[in-house]
C-alpha atoms as a PDB file:
ATOM      1  CA  UNK A   1      24.591  86.761 -73.296  1.00  0.00           C
ATOM      2  CA  UNK A   2      21.284  85.856 -71.380  1.00  0.00           C
ATOM      3  CA  UNK A   3      20.535  82.447 -70.852  1.00  0.00           C
ATOM      4  CA  UNK A   4      16.101  82.743 -70.074  1.00  0.00           C
ATOM      5  CA  UNK A   5      14.965  79.918 -67.886  1.00  0.00           C
ATOM      6  CA  UNK A   6      11.136  79.559 -68.168  1.00  0.00           C
ATOM      7  CA  UNK A   7       9.621  79.024 -64.587  1.00  0.00           C
ATOM      8  CA  UNK A   8       8.864  75.281 -63.453  1.00  0.00           C
ATOM      9  CA  UNK A   9       5.746  73.931 -62.322  1.00  0.00           C
ATOM     10  CA  UNK A  10       5.590  70.752 -60.369  1.00  0.00           C
ATOM     11  CA  UNK A  11       3.523  69.320 -63.213  1.00  0.00           C
ATOM     12  CA  UNK A  12       6.432  70.078 -65.459  1.00  0.00           C
ATOM     13  CA  UNK A  13       8.272  66.856 -63.270  1.00  0.00           C
ATOM     14  CA  UNK A  14       5.932  64.651 -64.367  1.00  0.00           C
ATOM     15  CA  UNK A  15       8.494  62.896 -67.216  1.00  0.00           C
ATOM     16  CA  UNK A  16       6.613  59.721 -67.999  1.00  0.00           C
ATOM     17  CA  UNK A  17       2.763  60.959 -67.223  1.00  0.00           C
ATOM     18  CA  UNK A  18       1.570  59.968 -70.993  1.00  0.00           C
ATOM     19  CA  UNK A  19       2.553  56.676 -69.550  1.00  0.00           C
ATOM     20  CA  UNK A  20       0.038  56.806 -66.830  1.00  0.00           C
ATOM     21  CA  UNK A  21      -2.875  57.708 -68.898  1.00  0.00           C
ATOM     22  CA  UNK A  22      -1.648  54.970 -71.106  1.00  0.00           C
ATOM     23  CA  UNK A  23      -2.246  52.528 -68.042  1.00  0.00           C
ATOM     24  CA  UNK A  24      -5.366  53.975 -66.891  1.00  0.00           C
ATOM     25  CA  UNK A  25      -7.209  53.425 -70.054  1.00  0.00           C
ATOM     26  CA  UNK A  26      -5.716  49.924 -70.167  1.00  0.00           C
ATOM     27  CA  UNK A  27      -6.918  49.228 -66.778  1.00  0.00           C
ATOM     28  CA  UNK A  28     -10.359  50.621 -67.739  1.00  0.00           C
ATOM     29  CA  UNK A  29     -10.730  48.254 -70.500  1.00  0.00           C
ATOM     30  CA  UNK A  30      -9.648  45.397 -68.733  1.00  0.00           C
ATOM     31  CA  UNK A  31     -12.159  46.333 -66.280  1.00  0.00           C
ATOM     32  CA  UNK A  32     -14.738  46.439 -68.551  1.00  0.00           C
ATOM     33  CA  UNK A  33     -13.478  43.297 -70.005  1.00  0.00           C
ATOM     34  CA  UNK A  34     -13.505  40.919 -66.688  1.00  0.00           C
ATOM     35  CA  UNK A  35     -17.417  43.106 -65.359  1.00  0.00           C
ATOM     36  CA  UNK A  36     -18.930  42.405 -68.925  1.00  0.00           C
ATOM     37  CA  UNK A  37     -17.514  39.585 -71.084  1.00  0.00           C
ATOM     38  CA  UNK A  38     -15.352  37.640 -68.406  1.00  0.00           C
ATOM     39  CA  UNK A  39     -15.514  34.800 -70.973  1.00  0.00           C
ATOM     40  CA  UNK A  40     -13.298  36.995 -73.409  1.00  0.00           C
ATOM     41  CA  UNK A  41     -10.781  37.961 -70.196  1.00  0.00           C
ATOM     42  CA  UNK A  42     -10.317  34.417 -69.335  1.00  0.00           C
ATOM     43  CA  UNK A  43      -9.320  33.439 -72.747  1.00  0.00           C
ATOM     44  CA  UNK A  44      -7.024  36.154 -73.135  1.00  0.00           C
ATOM     45  CA  UNK A  45      -5.466  35.038 -69.743  1.00  0.00           C
ATOM     46  CA  UNK A  46      -5.404  31.327 -70.888  1.00  0.00           C
ATOM     47  CA  UNK A  47      -3.560  32.830 -74.100  1.00  0.00           C
ATOM     48  CA  UNK A  48      -0.875  34.089 -71.686  1.00  0.00           C
ATOM     49  CA  UNK A  49      -0.310  31.345 -69.671  1.00  0.00           C
ATOM     50  CA  UNK A  50      -0.375  28.656 -72.794  1.00  0.00           C
ATOM     51  CA  UNK A  51       2.512  31.380 -74.316  1.00  0.00           C
ATOM     52  CA  UNK A  52       4.498  31.175 -71.326  1.00  0.00           C
ATOM     53  CA  UNK A  53       4.444  27.316 -70.635  1.00  0.00           C
ATOM     54  CA  UNK A  54       5.512  26.759 -74.753  1.00  0.00           C
ATOM     55  CA  UNK A  55       8.227  29.201 -74.450  1.00  0.00           C
ATOM     56  CA  UNK A  56       9.441  27.188 -71.156  1.00  0.00           C
ATOM     57  CA  UNK A  57       9.483  23.797 -73.138  1.00  0.00           C
ATOM     58  CA  UNK A  58      11.309  26.043 -75.713  1.00  0.00           C
ATOM     59  CA  UNK A  59      13.698  27.169 -72.882  1.00  0.00           C
ATOM     60  CA  UNK A  60      14.371  23.265 -72.016  1.00  0.00           C
ATOM     61  CA  UNK A  61      14.560  22.406 -75.155  1.00  0.00           C
ATOM     62  CA  UNK A  62      17.353  24.822 -76.013  1.00  0.00           C
ATOM     63  CA  UNK A  63      19.312  24.403 -72.829  1.00  0.00           C
ATOM     64  CA  UNK A  64      19.523  20.682 -73.049  1.00  0.00           C
ATOM     65  CA  UNK A  65      20.350  20.746 -76.699  1.00  0.00           C
ATOM     66  CA  UNK A  66      23.402  23.160 -76.500  1.00  0.00           C
ATOM     67  CA  UNK A  67      24.708  21.389 -72.833  1.00  0.00           C
ATOM     68  CA  UNK A  68      27.720  18.916 -75.114  1.00  0.00           C
ATOM     69  CA  UNK A  69      28.927  22.669 -75.636  1.00  0.00           C
ATOM     70  CA  UNK A  70      29.717  22.720 -71.779  1.00  0.00           C
ATOM     71  CA  UNK A  71      29.333  26.718 -71.004  1.00  0.00           C
ATOM     72  CA  UNK A  72      26.848  26.518 -68.405  1.00  0.00           C
ATOM     73  CA  UNK A  73      26.869  30.485 -68.637  1.00  0.00           C
ATOM     74  CA  UNK A  74      26.223  30.573 -72.683  1.00  0.00           C
ATOM     75  CA  UNK A  75      23.694  28.061 -72.030  1.00  0.00           C
ATOM     76  CA  UNK A  76      21.509  29.800 -69.299  1.00  0.00           C
ATOM     77  CA  UNK A  77      21.239  32.711 -71.665  1.00  0.00           C
ATOM     78  CA  UNK A  78      20.391  30.806 -74.640  1.00  0.00           C
ATOM     79  CA  UNK A  79      17.593  29.599 -72.597  1.00  0.00           C
ATOM     80  CA  UNK A  80      16.875  32.988 -70.968  1.00  0.00           C
ATOM     81  CA  UNK A  81      16.664  35.058 -74.501  1.00  0.00           C
ATOM     82  CA  UNK A  82      14.325  31.705 -75.922  1.00  0.00           C
ATOM     83  CA  UNK A  83      11.926  32.295 -73.141  1.00  0.00           C
ATOM     84  CA  UNK A  84      11.685  36.112 -73.551  1.00  0.00           C
ATOM     85  CA  UNK A  85       9.981  35.618 -76.566  1.00  0.00           C
ATOM     86  CA  UNK A  86       6.902  34.717 -74.538  1.00  0.00           C
ATOM     87  CA  UNK A  87       6.308  37.802 -72.749  1.00  0.00           C
ATOM     88  CA  UNK A  88       7.040  39.550 -76.248  1.00  0.00           C
ATOM     89  CA  UNK A  89       3.930  38.151 -77.707  1.00  0.00           C
ATOM     90  CA  UNK A  90       2.079  38.161 -74.608  1.00  0.00           C
ATOM     91  CA  UNK A  91       2.566  42.018 -74.316  1.00  0.00           C
ATOM     92  CA  UNK A  92       2.107  42.883 -78.402  1.00  0.00           C
ATOM     93  CA  UNK A  93      -1.083  40.413 -78.577  1.00  0.00           C
ATOM     94  CA  UNK A  94      -2.713  42.146 -75.469  1.00  0.00           C
ATOM     95  CA  UNK A  95      -2.948  38.981 -73.578  1.00  0.00           C
ATOM     96  CA  UNK A  96      -3.555  39.093 -69.737  1.00  0.00           C
ATOM     97  CA  UNK A  97      -0.831  38.364 -67.810  1.00  0.00           C
ATOM     98  CA  UNK A  98      -0.693  38.620 -64.151  1.00  0.00           C
ATOM     99  CA  UNK A  99       2.186  39.967 -62.950  1.00  0.00           C
ATOM    100  CA  UNK A 100       2.196  42.617 -65.454  1.00  0.00           C
ATOM    101  CA  UNK A 101      -1.100  43.207 -63.857  1.00  0.00           C
ATOM    102  CA  UNK A 102       0.400  44.522 -60.513  1.00  0.00           C
ATOM    103  CA  UNK A 103       1.429  47.081 -62.085  1.00  0.00           C
ATOM    104  CA  UNK A 104      -0.943  48.116 -63.912  1.00  0.00           C
ATOM    105  CA  UNK A 105      -3.871  47.625 -61.628  1.00  0.00           C
ATOM    106  CA  UNK A 106      -1.712  49.228 -58.713  1.00  0.00           C
ATOM    107  CA  UNK A 107      -1.017  52.643 -60.679  1.00  0.00           C
ATOM    108  CA  UNK A 108      -5.198  52.712 -61.329  1.00  0.00           C
ATOM    109  CA  UNK A 109      -5.910  52.064 -57.355  1.00  0.00           C
ATOM    110  CA  UNK A 110      -3.035  54.736 -56.469  1.00  0.00           C
ATOM    111  CA  UNK A 111      -5.371  57.403 -58.512  1.00  0.00           C
ATOM    112  CA  UNK A 112      -8.675  55.795 -57.048  1.00  0.00           C
ATOM    113  CA  UNK A 113     -10.481  54.800 -60.890  1.00  0.00           C
ATOM    114  CA  UNK A 114     -10.797  51.497 -59.677  1.00  0.00           C
ATOM    115  CA  UNK A 115     -11.657  49.558 -56.467  1.00  0.00           C
ATOM    116  CA  UNK A 116      -9.585  46.678 -54.001  1.00  0.00           C
ATOM    117  CA  UNK A 117     -12.644  44.123 -54.916  1.00  0.00           C
ATOM    118  CA  UNK A 118     -12.502  44.798 -58.859  1.00  0.00           C
ATOM    119  CA  UNK A 119      -8.832  44.166 -58.147  1.00  0.00           C
ATOM    120  CA  UNK A 120      -9.058  41.234 -56.641  1.00  0.00           C
ATOM    121  CA  UNK A 121     -12.091  40.309 -58.946  1.00  0.00           C
ATOM    122  CA  UNK A 122      -8.951  40.642 -62.516  1.00  0.00           C
ATOM    123  CA  UNK A 123      -6.196  39.094 -60.514  1.00  0.00           C
ATOM    124  CA  UNK A 124      -8.255  36.062 -59.391  1.00  0.00           C
ATOM    125  CA  UNK A 125      -9.595  35.441 -63.219  1.00  0.00           C
ATOM    126  CA  UNK A 126      -6.148  36.086 -64.455  1.00  0.00           C
ATOM    127  CA  UNK A 127      -4.452  34.400 -62.389  1.00  0.00           C
ATOM    128  CA  UNK A 128      -6.576  31.211 -62.922  1.00  0.00           C
ATOM    129  CA  UNK A 129      -6.594  31.927 -66.487  1.00  0.00           C
ATOM    130  CA  UNK A 130      -2.639  31.485 -66.451  1.00  0.00           C
ATOM    131  CA  UNK A 131      -2.906  28.430 -64.561  1.00  0.00           C
ATOM    132  CA  UNK A 132      -5.479  26.765 -67.121  1.00  0.00           C
ATOM    133  CA  UNK A 133      -3.265  27.783 -69.959  1.00  0.00           C
ATOM    134  CA  UNK A 134      -0.323  25.973 -68.648  1.00  0.00           C
ATOM    135  CA  UNK A 135      -1.994  23.016 -68.201  1.00  0.00           C
ATOM    136  CA  UNK A 136      -3.586  23.235 -71.779  1.00  0.00           C
ATOM    137  CA  UNK A 137       0.028  23.119 -73.037  1.00  0.00           C
ATOM    138  CA  UNK A 138       1.365  20.807 -71.080  1.00  0.00           C
ATOM    139  CA  UNK A 139      -1.558  18.081 -71.113  1.00  0.00           C
ATOM    140  CA  UNK A 140      -1.173  18.806 -75.480  1.00  0.00           C
ATOM    141  CA  UNK A 141       2.320  18.008 -75.043  1.00  0.00           C
ATOM    142  CA  UNK A 142       2.095  14.736 -73.493  1.00  0.00           C
ATOM    143  CA  UNK A 143       0.596  13.208 -76.832  1.00  0.00           C
ATOM    144  CA  UNK A 144       3.938  14.600 -78.262  1.00  0.00           C
ATOM    145  CA  UNK A 145       7.588  13.486 -78.057  1.00  0.00           C
ATOM    146  CA  UNK A 146       8.508  16.939 -77.672  1.00  0.00           C
ATOM    147  CA  UNK A 147       9.616  16.424 -73.959  1.00  0.00           C
ATOM    148  CA  UNK A 148      12.797  14.086 -74.160  1.00  0.00           C
ATOM    149  CA  UNK A 149      13.828  12.406 -70.864  1.00  0.00           C
ATOM    150  CA  UNK A 150      17.006  15.204 -70.892  1.00  0.00           C
ATOM    151  CA  UNK A 151      13.807  17.929 -70.520  1.00  0.00           C
ATOM    152  CA  UNK A 152      11.985  16.462 -67.832  1.00  0.00           C
ATOM    153  CA  UNK A 153      14.927  15.852 -66.022  1.00  0.00           C
ATOM    154  CA  UNK A 154      15.962  19.196 -66.465  1.00  0.00           C
ATOM    155  CA  UNK A 155      12.626  20.501 -65.570  1.00  0.00           C
ATOM    156  CA  UNK A 156      12.553  18.410 -62.644  1.00  0.00           C
ATOM    157  CA  UNK A 157      16.085  20.033 -61.291  1.00  0.00           C
ATOM    158  CA  UNK A 158      14.769  23.558 -61.853  1.00  0.00           C
ATOM    159  CA  UNK A 159      11.659  22.597 -59.867  1.00  0.00           C
ATOM    160  CA  UNK A 160      13.001  21.183 -56.896  1.00  0.00           C
ATOM    161  CA  UNK A 161      15.443  24.009 -57.001  1.00  0.00           C
ATOM    162  CA  UNK A 162      12.456  26.958 -56.620  1.00  0.00           C
ATOM    163  CA  UNK A 163      10.507  24.487 -54.213  1.00  0.00           C
ATOM    164  CA  UNK A 164      12.084  21.760 -52.442  1.00  0.00           C
ATOM    165  CA  UNK A 165      15.999  23.935 -52.008  1.00  0.00           C
ATOM    166  CA  UNK A 166      14.690  27.267 -51.907  1.00  0.00           C
ATOM    167  CA  UNK A 167      13.723  29.242 -48.047  1.00  0.00           C
ATOM    168  CA  UNK A 168      10.381  31.407 -48.063  1.00  0.00           C
ATOM    169  CA  UNK A 169      12.432  34.590 -47.984  1.00  0.00           C
ATOM    170  CA  UNK A 170      14.629  33.559 -51.051  1.00  0.00           C
ATOM    171  CA  UNK A 171      11.672  33.300 -53.102  1.00  0.00           C
ATOM    172  CA  UNK A 172      10.408  36.247 -51.507  1.00  0.00           C
ATOM    173  CA  UNK A 173      13.356  38.461 -52.606  1.00  0.00           C
ATOM    174  CA  UNK A 174      13.791  36.817 -56.123  1.00  0.00           C
ATOM    175  CA  UNK A 175      10.059  37.156 -56.484  1.00  0.00           C
ATOM    176  CA  UNK A 176      11.069  41.012 -55.737  1.00  0.00           C
ATOM    177  CA  UNK A 177      13.262  41.063 -58.496  1.00  0.00           C
ATOM    178  CA  UNK A 178      11.869  39.280 -61.260  1.00  0.00           C
ATOM    179  CA  UNK A 179       8.716  41.203 -61.497  1.00  0.00           C
ATOM    180  CA  UNK A 180      10.734  44.448 -60.904  1.00  0.00           C
ATOM    181  CA  UNK A 181      12.732  44.115 -64.295  1.00  0.00           C
ATOM    182  CA  UNK A 182       9.714  42.494 -65.730  1.00  0.00           C
ATOM    183  CA  UNK A 183       7.643  45.340 -65.545  1.00  0.00           C
ATOM    184  CA  UNK A 184      10.454  48.392 -65.757  1.00  0.00           C
ATOM    185  CA  UNK A 185      10.916  46.954 -69.244  1.00  0.00           C
ATOM    186  CA  UNK A 186       6.917  46.746 -69.509  1.00  0.00           C
ATOM    187  CA  UNK A 187       6.979  50.656 -68.569  1.00  0.00           C
ATOM    188  CA  UNK A 188       9.689  51.590 -71.023  1.00  0.00           C
ATOM    189  CA  UNK A 189       8.167  49.971 -73.539  1.00  0.00           C
ATOM    190  CA  UNK A 190       4.985  51.994 -73.122  1.00  0.00           C
ATOM    191  CA  UNK A 191       6.486  55.142 -74.727  1.00  0.00           C
ATOM    192  CA  UNK A 192       8.490  53.476 -77.444  1.00  0.00           C
ATOM    193  CA  UNK A 193       6.280  53.901 -80.738  1.00  0.00           C
ATOM    194  CA  UNK A 194       8.826  51.468 -82.624  1.00  0.00           C
ATOM    195  CA  UNK A 195       7.916  47.876 -82.067  1.00  0.00           C
ATOM    196  CA  UNK A 196      11.259  46.783 -82.564  1.00  0.00           C
ATOM    197  CA  UNK A 197      12.209  49.010 -78.896  1.00  0.00           C
ATOM    198  CA  UNK A 198       9.222  47.858 -77.772  1.00  0.00           C
ATOM    199  CA  UNK A 199      10.656  44.221 -78.419  1.00  0.00           C
ATOM    200  CA  UNK A 200      13.818  45.209 -77.188  1.00  0.00           C
ATOM    201  CA  UNK A 201      12.680  46.505 -73.607  1.00  0.00           C
ATOM    202  CA  UNK A 202      10.205  44.219 -72.766  1.00  0.00           C
ATOM    203  CA  UNK A 203      12.913  41.157 -74.329  1.00  0.00           C
ATOM    204  CA  UNK A 204      15.691  42.567 -71.935  1.00  0.00           C
ATOM    205  CA  UNK A 205      13.698  42.760 -68.515  1.00  0.00           C
ATOM    206  CA  UNK A 206      13.115  38.688 -69.146  1.00  0.00           C
ATOM    207  CA  UNK A 207      16.836  37.678 -70.203  1.00  0.00           C
ATOM    208  CA  UNK A 208      17.503  39.193 -66.929  1.00  0.00           C
ATOM    209  CA  UNK A 209      14.848  37.621 -64.815  1.00  0.00           C
ATOM    210  CA  UNK A 210      15.602  34.449 -66.471  1.00  0.00           C
ATOM    211  CA  UNK A 211      19.169  33.929 -66.420  1.00  0.00           C
ATOM    212  CA  UNK A 212      19.165  35.124 -62.810  1.00  0.00           C
ATOM    213  CA  UNK A 213      16.757  32.532 -61.873  1.00  0.00           C
ATOM    214  CA  UNK A 214      14.259  34.898 -60.059  1.00  0.00           C
ATOM    215  CA  UNK A 215      10.839  33.786 -59.176  1.00  0.00           C
ATOM    216  CA  UNK A 216       7.922  34.473 -61.381  1.00  0.00           C
ATOM    217  CA  UNK A 217       4.421  32.921 -59.906  1.00  0.00           C
ATOM    218  CA  UNK A 218       3.159  32.654 -63.677  1.00  0.00           C
ATOM    219  CA  UNK A 219       5.942  30.928 -65.122  1.00  0.00           C
ATOM    220  CA  UNK A 220       6.666  28.488 -62.242  1.00  0.00           C
ATOM    221  CA  UNK A 221       2.582  27.606 -61.907  1.00  0.00           C
ATOM    222  CA  UNK A 222       3.603  26.554 -65.588  1.00  0.00           C
ATOM    223  CA  UNK A 223       6.672  24.129 -64.336  1.00  0.00           C
ATOM    224  CA  UNK A 224       4.600  22.719 -61.867  1.00  0.00           C
ATOM    225  CA  UNK A 225       1.837  21.862 -64.293  1.00  0.00           C
ATOM    226  CA  UNK A 226       4.437  20.173 -66.481  1.00  0.00           C
ATOM    227  CA  UNK A 227       6.029  18.223 -63.348  1.00  0.00           C
ATOM    228  CA  UNK A 228       2.644  17.030 -63.134  1.00  0.00           C
ATOM    229  CA  UNK A 229       2.098  15.719 -66.081  1.00  0.00           C
ATOM    230  CA  UNK A 230       5.611  14.078 -66.723  1.00  0.00           C
ATOM    231  CA  UNK A 231       6.901  13.808 -62.768  1.00  0.00           C
ATOM    232  CA  UNK A 232       4.071  14.081 -60.581  1.00  0.00           C
ATOM    233  CA  UNK A 233       5.723  11.898 -58.012  1.00  0.00           C
ATOM    234  CA  UNK A 234       9.164  14.352 -57.698  1.00  0.00           C
ATOM    235  CA  UNK A 235       6.691  17.185 -56.889  1.00  0.00           C
ATOM    236  CA  UNK A 236       6.816  17.871 -52.894  1.00  0.00           C
ATOM    237  CA  UNK A 237       3.103  20.050 -52.552  1.00  0.00           C
ATOM    238  CA  UNK A 238       3.788  21.997 -49.580  1.00  0.00           C
ATOM    239  CA  UNK A 239       7.215  23.508 -50.732  1.00  0.00           C
ATOM    240  CA  UNK A 240       5.192  23.823 -54.228  1.00  0.00           C
ATOM    241  CA  UNK A 241       2.592  25.785 -52.161  1.00  0.00           C
ATOM    242  CA  UNK A 242       5.253  27.649 -50.183  1.00  0.00           C
ATOM    243  CA  UNK A 243       6.706  29.201 -53.687  1.00  0.00           C
ATOM    244  CA  UNK A 244       3.356  30.161 -55.268  1.00  0.00           C
ATOM    245  CA  UNK A 245       2.809  32.254 -51.802  1.00  0.00           C
ATOM    246  CA  UNK A 246       6.047  33.537 -51.447  1.00  0.00           C
ATOM    247  CA  UNK A 247       6.941  34.269 -55.419  1.00  0.00           C
ATOM    248  CA  UNK A 248       2.755  35.891 -55.641  1.00  0.00           C
ATOM    249  CA  UNK A 249       3.854  38.168 -52.585  1.00  0.00           C
ATOM    250  CA  UNK A 250       7.423  39.375 -54.267  1.00  0.00           C
ATOM    251  CA  UNK A 251       5.933  39.767 -57.365  1.00  0.00           C
ATOM    252  CA  UNK A 252       3.634  42.088 -56.481  1.00  0.00           C
ATOM    253  CA  UNK A 253       5.720  44.617 -54.930  1.00  0.00           C
ATOM    254  CA  UNK A 254       8.514  44.010 -57.117  1.00  0.00           C
ATOM    255  CA  UNK A 255       5.941  45.206 -60.104  1.00  0.00           C
ATOM    256  CA  UNK A 256       3.097  46.875 -58.211  1.00  0.00           C
ATOM    257  CA  UNK A 257       4.953  48.392 -55.855  1.00  0.00           C
ATOM    258  CA  UNK A 258       8.381  49.433 -56.767  1.00  0.00           C
ATOM    259  CA  UNK A 259       7.296  50.029 -60.288  1.00  0.00           C
ATOM    260  CA  UNK A 260       3.196  50.854 -60.231  1.00  0.00           C
ATOM    261  CA  UNK A 261       3.340  53.249 -57.056  1.00  0.00           C
ATOM    262  CA  UNK A 262       6.929  54.826 -57.426  1.00  0.00           C
ATOM    263  CA  UNK A 263       5.804  55.950 -60.694  1.00  0.00           C
ATOM    264  CA  UNK A 264       2.502  56.658 -60.257  1.00  0.00           C
ATOM    265  CA  UNK A 265       3.602  58.557 -57.429  1.00  0.00           C
ATOM    266  CA  UNK A 266       6.102  60.858 -58.730  1.00  0.00           C
ATOM    267  CA  UNK A 267       3.732  61.571 -61.982  1.00  0.00           C
ATOM    268  CA  UNK A 268       0.637  63.096 -60.620  1.00  0.00           C
ATOM    269  CA  UNK A 269      -1.625  63.897 -57.321  1.00  0.00           C
ATOM    270  CA  UNK A 270      -4.094  60.829 -56.349  1.00  0.00           C
ATOM    271  CA  UNK A 271      -6.689  63.811 -57.253  1.00  0.00           C
ATOM    272  CA  UNK A 272      -5.652  64.631 -60.705  1.00  0.00           C
ATOM    273  CA  UNK A 273      -7.412  61.928 -62.252  1.00  0.00           C
ATOM    274  CA  UNK A 274     -11.601  61.650 -62.986  1.00  0.00           C
ATOM    275  CA  UNK A 275     -12.553  59.132 -63.962  1.00  0.00           C
ATOM    276  CA  UNK A 276     -15.847  59.742 -66.283  1.00  0.00           C
ATOM    277  CA  UNK A 277     -18.673  57.863 -65.991  1.00  0.00           C
ATOM    278  CA  UNK A 278     -22.163  56.962 -68.372  1.00  0.00           C
END
């Protein structure tokens, strides 16, 4: 029996090239929105921050209400699953989240379809919108009795662990891990056709980062917003700044470099893409 093996080219090794094309198209749309209708872009970023904050409240509620069960590992897992709903909703509604944009825009920059100045503009608008969304949610929450004393205590404990008790290099490394898992889940989900498959892979990445208490700069900013409304005296501002700076850097490395740049590099050459202009 003779087996014929077709001759392969380097293009045949671009196993997820369709993902890259999808990402580049999404980045082009994001760039147009940020340039021509920045108010629309900001609203989508605000919605992401709002969703993250409201699911953080759900996570706190789940963890405190299941606390009497006395199994910390199971309680953390329940809280992580509850929070994973946020990213699923953000991705499926095409809202704008800074940490996923780290991957998207690094891919686009590698293929030279967007300039660094445009990237910085989008990142700034996106992060600002994400933070505003958290403030809006917790500001509205103060008009209710949803945040119980137990939830405020749990929030304070979590924030202290992320700020006062954490070193800058621990925050940096945990920031890398957080966005690595989030963006690998999103990258896999891009090639899934079924909605349930997308939900599963997006959710898995979030469950891992939350369960392992990794550092996500937008999630953390939402927690800090909550503390400003519920326990501002317990905030150490220099440690809050430390967390935001090094979580931001770590998240970019984890999502932008470890996922975005790596998969851009293994799926084509920098001159393979030509951006069409009117």
